[in-house]
Amino acid sequence: MEKVCVSFKELYLENGSDLRYGGYIDFYSDEDSEYYDLRTHDPDDTRSELIACDGENYCILAKDEERVILRSLENGRTIFLSLDEFNIAVFR
């Protein structure tokens, strides 16, 4: 099983906040740091739930010509990225 690291920062900077298969990258900062978190909805939506944080590690569950399915090694949550998003955000 291949393990990878996902940079939501790189994905946000290249593609913006919305992911093709759902999810929203929430960017915020304080005086010393920047944060890029993957959420279920826009963070202003009261139903928004934190899915993952920038830099977390994943294992690749499946990959085809259109999408990649990843499972977080930190919290067990599954995310879907388009192949383009995967190529931008993933570091081995």
N, C-alpha and C. Protein backbone atom coordinates (compact mmCIF):
# COMPACT_ATOMS: atom_id res chain seq x y z
N MET A 1 0.85 -1.18 0.00
CA MET A 1 0.00 0.00 0.00
C MET A 1 0.89 1.24 0.00
N GLU A 2 0.73 2.09 -1.02
CA GLU A 2 1.56 3.28 -1.15
C GLU A 2 1.08 4.38 -0.20
N LYS A 3 2.04 5.00 0.49
CA LYS A 3 1.74 6.10 1.40
C LYS A 3 2.22 7.41 0.79
N VAL A 4 1.41 8.47 0.96
CA VAL A 4 1.73 9.79 0.42
C VAL A 4 1.36 10.87 1.43
N CYS A 5 1.91 12.06 1.22
CA CYS A 5 1.57 13.24 2.02
C CYS A 5 0.78 14.19 1.13
N VAL A 6 -0.28 14.78 1.66
CA VAL A 6 -1.13 15.68 0.89
C VAL A 6 -0.95 17.12 1.37
N SER A 7 -0.65 18.00 0.43
CA SER A 7 -0.51 19.42 0.72
C SER A 7 -1.76 20.16 0.25
N PHE A 8 -2.63 20.49 1.18
CA PHE A 8 -3.80 21.29 0.83
C PHE A 8 -3.39 22.72 0.51
N LYS A 9 -2.25 23.15 1.02
CA LYS A 9 -1.73 24.48 0.68
C LYS A 9 -1.44 24.56 -0.81
N GLU A 10 -0.68 23.61 -1.35
CA GLU A 10 -0.36 23.61 -2.78
C GLU A 10 -1.62 23.56 -3.63
N LEU A 11 -2.55 22.74 -3.22
CA LEU A 11 -3.80 22.60 -3.97
C LEU A 11 -4.60 23.91 -3.93
N TYR A 12 -4.66 24.54 -2.78
CA TYR A 12 -5.35 25.82 -2.63
C TYR A 12 -4.70 26.90 -3.51
N LEU A 13 -3.38 26.98 -3.47
CA LEU A 13 -2.67 28.00 -4.24
C LEU A 13 -2.82 27.79 -5.74
N GLU A 14 -2.91 26.54 -6.18
CA GLU A 14 -3.00 26.24 -7.61
C GLU A 14 -4.44 26.25 -8.13
N ASN A 15 -5.40 25.72 -7.35
CA ASN A 15 -6.77 25.52 -7.83
C ASN A 15 -7.85 26.27 -7.08
N GLY A 16 -7.52 26.90 -5.97
CA GLY A 16 -8.55 27.57 -5.18
C GLY A 16 -9.11 26.66 -4.10
N SER A 17 -10.23 27.03 -3.55
CA SER A 17 -10.74 26.36 -2.35
C SER A 17 -11.62 25.13 -2.58
N ASP A 18 -12.29 25.04 -3.71
CA ASP A 18 -13.25 23.94 -3.92
C ASP A 18 -12.62 22.74 -4.62
N LEU A 19 -12.89 21.55 -4.09
CA LEU A 19 -12.41 20.32 -4.70
C LEU A 19 -13.47 19.74 -5.63
N ARG A 20 -13.03 19.05 -6.65
CA ARG A 20 -13.95 18.51 -7.66
C ARG A 20 -14.98 17.55 -7.08
N TYR A 21 -14.57 16.67 -6.18
CA TYR A 21 -15.48 15.65 -5.64
C TYR A 21 -16.02 16.01 -4.27
N GLY A 22 -16.02 17.28 -3.97
CA GLY A 22 -16.58 17.75 -2.70
C GLY A 22 -15.48 18.10 -1.71
N GLY A 23 -15.78 19.04 -0.89
CA GLY A 23 -14.82 19.51 0.09
C GLY A 23 -14.40 20.93 -0.22
N TYR A 24 -13.93 21.59 0.78
CA TYR A 24 -13.59 23.00 0.72
C TYR A 24 -12.31 23.20 1.52
N ILE A 25 -11.30 23.83 0.92
CA ILE A 25 -10.07 24.12 1.65
C ILE A 25 -10.22 25.47 2.33
N ASP A 26 -10.17 25.44 3.64
CA ASP A 26 -10.31 26.62 4.47
C ASP A 26 -8.92 27.17 4.78
N PHE A 27 -8.62 28.36 4.29
CA PHE A 27 -7.34 29.01 4.57
C PHE A 27 -7.55 30.08 5.63
N TYR A 28 -6.67 30.07 6.63
CA TYR A 28 -6.68 31.13 7.62
C TYR A 28 -5.26 31.26 8.18
N SER A 29 -4.99 32.38 8.81
CA SER A 29 -3.65 32.62 9.34
C SER A 29 -3.72 33.39 10.65
N ASP A 30 -2.63 33.29 11.39
CA ASP A 30 -2.46 34.15 12.56
C ASP A 30 -1.13 34.87 12.37
N GLU A 31 -0.59 35.45 13.39
CA GLU A 31 0.64 36.24 13.23
C GLU A 31 1.83 35.41 12.76
N ASP A 32 1.88 34.12 13.12
CA ASP A 32 3.06 33.31 12.85
C ASP A 32 2.86 32.19 11.83
N SER A 33 1.64 31.79 11.57
CA SER A 33 1.42 30.59 10.76
C SER A 33 0.23 30.74 9.82
N GLU A 34 0.25 29.89 8.77
CA GLU A 34 -0.88 29.77 7.86
C GLU A 34 -1.42 28.36 7.99
N TYR A 35 -2.73 28.21 7.80
CA TYR A 35 -3.38 26.91 7.93
C TYR A 35 -4.26 26.65 6.71
N TYR A 36 -4.25 25.41 6.27
CA TYR A 36 -5.05 24.97 5.11
C TYR A 36 -5.74 23.67 5.52
N ASP A 37 -6.99 23.76 5.87
CA ASP A 37 -7.74 22.60 6.35
C ASP A 37 -8.81 22.21 5.35
N LEU A 38 -9.00 20.92 5.17
CA LEU A 38 -10.08 20.42 4.32
C LEU A 38 -11.33 20.26 5.17
N ARG A 39 -12.43 20.88 4.72
CA ARG A 39 -13.70 20.84 5.43
C ARG A 39 -14.78 20.34 4.49
N THR A 40 -15.91 19.93 5.06
CA THR A 40 -17.01 19.42 4.25
C THR A 40 -17.73 20.53 3.50
N HIS A 41 -17.77 21.73 4.06
CA HIS A 41 -18.46 22.87 3.46
C HIS A 41 -17.65 24.12 3.76
N ASP A 42 -18.08 25.23 3.19
CA ASP A 42 -17.52 26.52 3.53
C ASP A 42 -17.55 26.66 5.06
N PRO A 43 -16.46 27.12 5.68
CA PRO A 43 -16.42 27.20 7.15
C PRO A 43 -17.47 28.11 7.76
N ASP A 44 -18.07 29.01 6.97
CA ASP A 44 -19.14 29.85 7.49
C ASP A 44 -20.46 29.08 7.59
N ASP A 45 -20.52 27.91 6.97
CA ASP A 45 -21.70 27.04 7.03
C ASP A 45 -21.67 26.30 8.37
N THR A 46 -22.74 26.37 9.13
CA THR A 46 -22.77 25.74 10.45
C THR A 46 -22.66 24.22 10.38
N ARG A 47 -22.87 23.62 9.21
CA ARG A 47 -22.75 22.17 9.06
C ARG A 47 -21.32 21.75 8.73
N SER A 48 -20.42 22.69 8.55
CA SER A 48 -19.05 22.39 8.13
C SER A 48 -18.33 21.53 9.17
N GLU A 49 -17.64 20.51 8.68
CA GLU A 49 -16.91 19.59 9.53
C GLU A 49 -15.47 19.48 9.04
N LEU A 50 -14.53 19.49 9.95
CA LEU A 50 -13.12 19.32 9.61
C LEU A 50 -12.88 17.88 9.16
N ILE A 51 -12.27 17.73 7.97
CA ILE A 51 -11.95 16.40 7.44
C ILE A 51 -10.47 16.09 7.64
N ALA A 52 -9.60 17.04 7.27
CA ALA A 52 -8.15 16.80 7.33
C ALA A 52 -7.40 18.12 7.38
N CYS A 53 -6.15 18.04 7.82
CA CYS A 53 -5.28 19.21 7.88
C CYS A 53 -4.14 19.06 6.88
N ASP A 54 -3.58 20.18 6.49
CA ASP A 54 -2.46 20.21 5.55
C ASP A 54 -1.31 19.37 6.07
N GLY A 55 -0.71 18.59 5.17
CA GLY A 55 0.48 17.83 5.51
C GLY A 55 0.24 16.46 6.11
N GLU A 56 -1.01 16.03 6.21
CA GLU A 56 -1.28 14.71 6.76
C GLU A 56 -0.89 13.61 5.77
N ASN A 57 -0.68 12.43 6.31
CA ASN A 57 -0.29 11.27 5.50
C ASN A 57 -1.49 10.40 5.17
N TYR A 58 -1.45 9.83 3.95
CA TYR A 58 -2.55 9.01 3.43
C TYR A 58 -2.00 7.76 2.78
N CYS A 59 -2.85 6.75 2.68
CA CYS A 59 -2.54 5.60 1.84
C CYS A 59 -3.49 5.66 0.64
N ILE A 60 -2.98 5.25 -0.50
CA ILE A 60 -3.79 5.23 -1.73
C ILE A 60 -4.61 3.96 -1.74
N LEU A 61 -5.95 4.11 -1.75
CA LEU A 61 -6.85 2.96 -1.81
C LEU A 61 -7.14 2.53 -3.23
N ALA A 62 -7.31 3.51 -4.14
CA ALA A 62 -7.61 3.21 -5.54
C ALA A 62 -7.23 4.42 -6.39
N LYS A 63 -6.88 4.13 -7.66
CA LYS A 63 -6.50 5.20 -8.57
C LYS A 63 -6.88 4.77 -9.99
N ASP A 64 -7.55 5.68 -10.72
CA ASP A 64 -7.85 5.42 -12.13
C ASP A 64 -7.58 6.69 -12.93
N GLU A 65 -8.09 6.79 -14.15
CA GLU A 65 -7.81 7.92 -15.02
C GLU A 65 -8.45 9.22 -14.56
N GLU A 66 -9.43 9.14 -13.67
CA GLU A 66 -10.17 10.33 -13.27
C GLU A 66 -10.00 10.74 -11.82
N ARG A 67 -9.80 9.78 -10.93
CA ARG A 67 -9.74 10.13 -9.52
C ARG A 67 -8.87 9.17 -8.72
N VAL A 68 -8.56 9.65 -7.50
CA VAL A 68 -7.77 8.87 -6.56
C VAL A 68 -8.52 8.87 -5.24
N ILE A 69 -8.59 7.70 -4.62
CA ILE A 69 -9.24 7.57 -3.31
C ILE A 69 -8.14 7.36 -2.28
N LEU A 70 -8.15 8.22 -1.25
CA LEU A 70 -7.12 8.19 -0.22
C LEU A 70 -7.75 8.00 1.15
N ARG A 71 -7.04 7.30 2.04
CA ARG A 71 -7.49 7.16 3.43
C ARG A 71 -6.43 7.75 4.34
N SER A 72 -6.87 8.63 5.24
CA SER A 72 -5.97 9.29 6.17
C SER A 72 -5.39 8.28 7.16
N LEU A 73 -4.07 8.35 7.36
CA LEU A 73 -3.42 7.51 8.36
C LEU A 73 -3.62 8.09 9.76
N GLU A 74 -3.99 9.37 9.85
CA GLU A 74 -4.20 10.01 11.14
C GLU A 74 -5.59 9.75 11.72
N ASN A 75 -6.63 9.87 10.85
CA ASN A 75 -8.00 9.77 11.40
C ASN A 75 -8.88 8.75 10.68
N GLY A 76 -8.35 8.09 9.65
CA GLY A 76 -9.12 7.05 8.95
C GLY A 76 -10.16 7.56 7.96
N ARG A 77 -10.28 8.86 7.80
CA ARG A 77 -11.26 9.42 6.87
C ARG A 77 -10.81 9.21 5.43
N THR A 78 -11.77 9.04 4.55
CA THR A 78 -11.50 8.84 3.13
C THR A 78 -11.80 10.12 2.36
N ILE A 79 -10.90 10.48 1.44
CA ILE A 79 -11.13 11.63 0.57
C ILE A 79 -10.95 11.21 -0.88
N PHE A 80 -11.57 11.95 -1.77
CA PHE A 80 -11.49 11.72 -3.21
C PHE A 80 -10.85 12.95 -3.84
N LEU A 81 -9.84 12.74 -4.67
CA LEU A 81 -9.22 13.83 -5.42
C LEU A 81 -9.27 13.48 -6.90
N SER A 82 -9.49 14.50 -7.73
CA SER A 82 -9.35 14.26 -9.16
C SER A 82 -7.88 13.95 -9.42
N LEU A 83 -7.58 13.37 -10.55
CA LEU A 83 -6.19 13.06 -10.88
C LEU A 83 -5.36 14.34 -10.96
N ASP A 84 -5.93 15.41 -11.49
CA ASP A 84 -5.22 16.70 -11.53
C ASP A 84 -4.92 17.21 -10.12
N GLU A 85 -5.93 17.16 -9.23
CA GLU A 85 -5.73 17.60 -7.84
C GLU A 85 -4.65 16.75 -7.16
N PHE A 86 -4.71 15.46 -7.38
CA PHE A 86 -3.73 14.53 -6.80
C PHE A 86 -2.32 14.90 -7.25
N ASN A 87 -2.15 15.17 -8.53
CA ASN A 87 -0.82 15.50 -9.06
C ASN A 87 -0.28 16.82 -8.52
N ILE A 88 -1.14 17.72 -8.14
CA ILE A 88 -0.72 19.00 -7.55
C ILE A 88 -0.39 18.81 -6.07
N ALA A 89 -1.23 18.09 -5.35
CA ALA A 89 -1.18 18.09 -3.89
C ALA A 89 -0.33 17.02 -3.24
N VAL A 90 0.00 15.96 -3.96
CA VAL A 90 0.62 14.80 -3.31
C VAL A 90 2.13 14.80 -3.46
N PHE A 91 2.77 14.52 -2.32
CA PHE A 91 4.22 14.36 -2.25
C PHE A 91 4.53 12.98 -1.71
N ARG A 92 5.49 12.33 -2.31
CA ARG A 92 5.86 10.98 -1.87
C ARG A 92 7.07 11.01 -0.99
